Protein backbone atom coordinates (compact mmCIF):
# COMPACT_ATOMS: atom_id res chain seq x y z
CA MET A 1 42.55 -7.82 -8.13
CA PRO A 2 39.69 -7.44 -5.68
CA PHE A 3 40.25 -5.10 -2.76
CA HIS A 4 39.31 -5.73 0.86
CA LEU A 5 37.73 -2.87 2.81
CA ALA A 6 36.55 -3.05 6.42
CA ILE A 7 34.36 -0.16 7.56
CA PRO A 8 32.99 0.82 10.96
CA VAL A 9 29.22 0.77 11.51
CA ARG A 10 27.14 1.83 14.50
CA GLU A 11 24.90 -1.26 14.34
CA ILE A 12 24.54 -4.43 12.29
CA LYS A 13 20.85 -5.02 11.48
CA GLU A 14 19.96 -1.88 9.50
CA THR A 15 23.40 -1.59 7.87
CA ARG A 16 23.37 -5.28 6.90
CA SER A 17 19.93 -4.80 5.34
CA PHE A 18 21.16 -1.76 3.40
CA TYR A 19 24.06 -3.59 1.75
CA ARG A 20 22.10 -6.79 1.20
CA ASP A 21 18.67 -5.44 0.19
CA ILE A 22 19.30 -1.92 -1.17
CA MET A 23 22.75 -2.43 -2.73
CA ASP A 24 22.03 -6.07 -3.70
CA CYS A 25 25.37 -7.27 -2.32
CA LYS A 26 25.60 -10.99 -1.66
CA GLU A 27 26.24 -11.72 2.00
CA GLY A 28 29.12 -13.98 3.03
CA ARG A 29 30.38 -14.99 6.45
CA SER A 30 29.18 -13.13 9.52
CA SER A 31 29.02 -12.93 13.30
CA ASP A 32 27.03 -10.73 15.64
CA ARG A 33 29.71 -7.98 15.22
CA TRP A 34 30.68 -8.15 11.53
CA VAL A 35 29.37 -9.19 8.08
CA ASP A 36 31.21 -9.88 4.78
CA PHE A 37 29.69 -8.74 1.48
CA ASP A 38 30.50 -9.22 -2.19
CA PHE A 39 30.69 -5.52 -3.09
CA PHE A 40 30.81 -5.50 -6.88
CA GLY A 41 33.44 -8.26 -6.84
CA HIS A 42 35.33 -6.83 -3.87
CA GLN A 43 35.25 -7.83 -0.20
CA LEU A 44 33.49 -5.29 2.02
CA VAL A 45 33.22 -6.04 5.73
CA ILE A 46 31.05 -4.06 8.12
CA HIS A 47 32.31 -4.07 11.72
CA ILE A 48 30.53 -2.77 14.81
CA ASP A 49 32.32 0.31 16.16
CA GLU A 50 30.60 2.13 19.01
CA SER A 51 32.52 5.33 18.17
CA LYS A 52 30.32 5.61 15.04
CA LEU A 53 27.38 6.49 17.30
CA ASN A 54 28.28 10.21 17.15
CA ASN A 55 27.97 10.02 13.33
CA LYS A 56 30.01 13.20 12.71
CA LYS A 57 30.22 14.01 8.99
CA SER A 58 32.84 16.05 7.11
CA THR A 59 32.77 17.46 3.60
CA ASN A 60 35.17 19.06 1.15
CA PRO A 61 34.10 21.51 -1.60
CA VAL A 62 34.58 19.97 -5.06
CA ASP A 63 33.12 21.32 -8.29
CA GLY A 64 30.32 23.21 -6.49
CA HIS A 65 29.33 20.30 -4.22
CA ASP A 66 30.07 19.44 -0.59
CA VAL A 67 31.68 16.05 -1.13
CA PRO A 68 31.59 13.73 1.91
CA VAL A 69 35.04 12.86 3.27
CA PRO A 70 35.97 10.10 3.64
CA HIS A 71 34.02 8.13 1.05
CA PHE A 72 34.43 4.96 -0.99
CA GLY A 73 32.75 3.24 -3.89
CA VAL A 74 33.32 1.65 -7.26
CA VAL A 75 33.93 2.95 -10.76
CA LEU A 76 31.33 1.21 -12.91
CA GLN A 77 30.76 0.92 -16.63
CA TRP A 78 28.58 3.77 -17.96
CA ASP A 79 25.45 1.65 -18.49
CA ASP A 80 25.89 -0.17 -15.16
CA TRP A 81 26.08 3.19 -13.37
CA GLY A 82 22.72 4.16 -14.93
CA LYS A 83 21.16 0.87 -13.84
CA LEU A 84 22.43 1.34 -10.27
CA ARG A 85 21.15 4.94 -10.23
CA ASP A 86 17.70 3.76 -11.30
CA GLN A 87 17.73 0.89 -8.77
CA LEU A 88 18.66 3.24 -5.91
CA LYS A 89 15.94 5.71 -6.90
CA THR A 90 13.28 2.98 -6.90
CA LYS A 91 14.46 1.99 -3.40
CA ASP A 92 14.15 5.63 -2.21
CA VAL A 93 17.82 6.12 -1.37
CA GLN A 94 18.42 9.71 -0.26
CA PHE A 95 21.31 11.18 -2.24
CA VAL A 96 23.79 13.62 -0.69
CA ILE A 97 24.82 14.59 -4.22
CA GLU A 98 22.16 13.69 -6.76
CA PRO A 99 23.24 11.58 -9.75
CA CYS A 100 24.81 13.95 -12.27
CA ILE A 101 27.36 14.29 -15.06
CA ARG A 102 30.56 16.20 -14.26
CA PHE A 103 32.99 17.69 -16.78
CA GLU A 104 30.50 17.10 -19.61
CA GLY A 105 32.25 17.18 -22.99
CA GLU A 106 35.66 17.53 -21.31
CA VAL A 107 38.50 15.16 -20.50
CA GLY A 108 37.38 13.03 -17.58
CA GLU A 109 33.63 13.32 -18.26
CA GLN A 110 31.98 11.23 -15.56
CA ALA A 111 28.69 10.30 -13.97
CA THR A 112 28.66 10.42 -10.18
CA MET A 113 26.35 10.11 -7.19
CA PHE A 114 26.87 10.16 -3.40
CA PHE A 115 24.79 8.77 -0.55
CA TYR A 116 25.24 7.48 3.02
CA ASP A 117 24.69 4.02 4.43
CA PRO A 118 22.64 3.82 7.67
CA SER A 119 25.85 4.13 9.74
CA GLY A 120 26.92 7.37 8.05
CA ASN A 121 29.56 5.90 5.72
CA ALA A 122 29.62 7.92 2.50
CA LEU A 123 29.57 6.05 -0.81
CA GLU A 124 30.32 7.40 -4.28
CA PHE A 125 29.64 5.50 -7.47
CA LYS A 126 30.97 6.88 -10.69
CA ALA A 127 31.45 5.96 -14.32
CA PHE A 128 33.59 7.53 -17.02
CA LYS A 129 32.20 8.18 -20.49
CA ASP A 130 35.65 7.04 -21.72
CA MET A 131 37.17 4.62 -19.18
CA SER A 132 40.66 5.30 -20.57
CA GLN A 133 40.37 8.75 -18.93
CA LEU A 134 40.10 7.33 -15.41
CA PHE A 135 43.56 8.71 -14.52
CA ALA A 136 43.73 11.48 -17.13
CA THR A 137 45.32 14.76 -16.08
């Protein structure tokens, strides 16, 4: 089932361009205060929220990195994650946590990367070497 996620943004033009042109998300319905996107088969809606203007960021230490909190994203297939990583690098996306492999050779081995959209929303994209380990303990 696709999820629906509505996120606050400080402005529409640059954030709309990011999701449409950098992330290659197909744009759906819109107004001057919100825009729908097809976010890897899910519905992502950006909504103007003036409180985002302060752009305060929080992190949590995880595995030697300062992971942005909150964050959202999609778990991709391994090869699709590599394609997205390469696409983002060619579009000069600035990573908060560079694309890397975590837990290499262990249960839950995964590729991950973090970056911010223009409104300061943190995104994480990951892929598991063995997708059956997505919820492994």
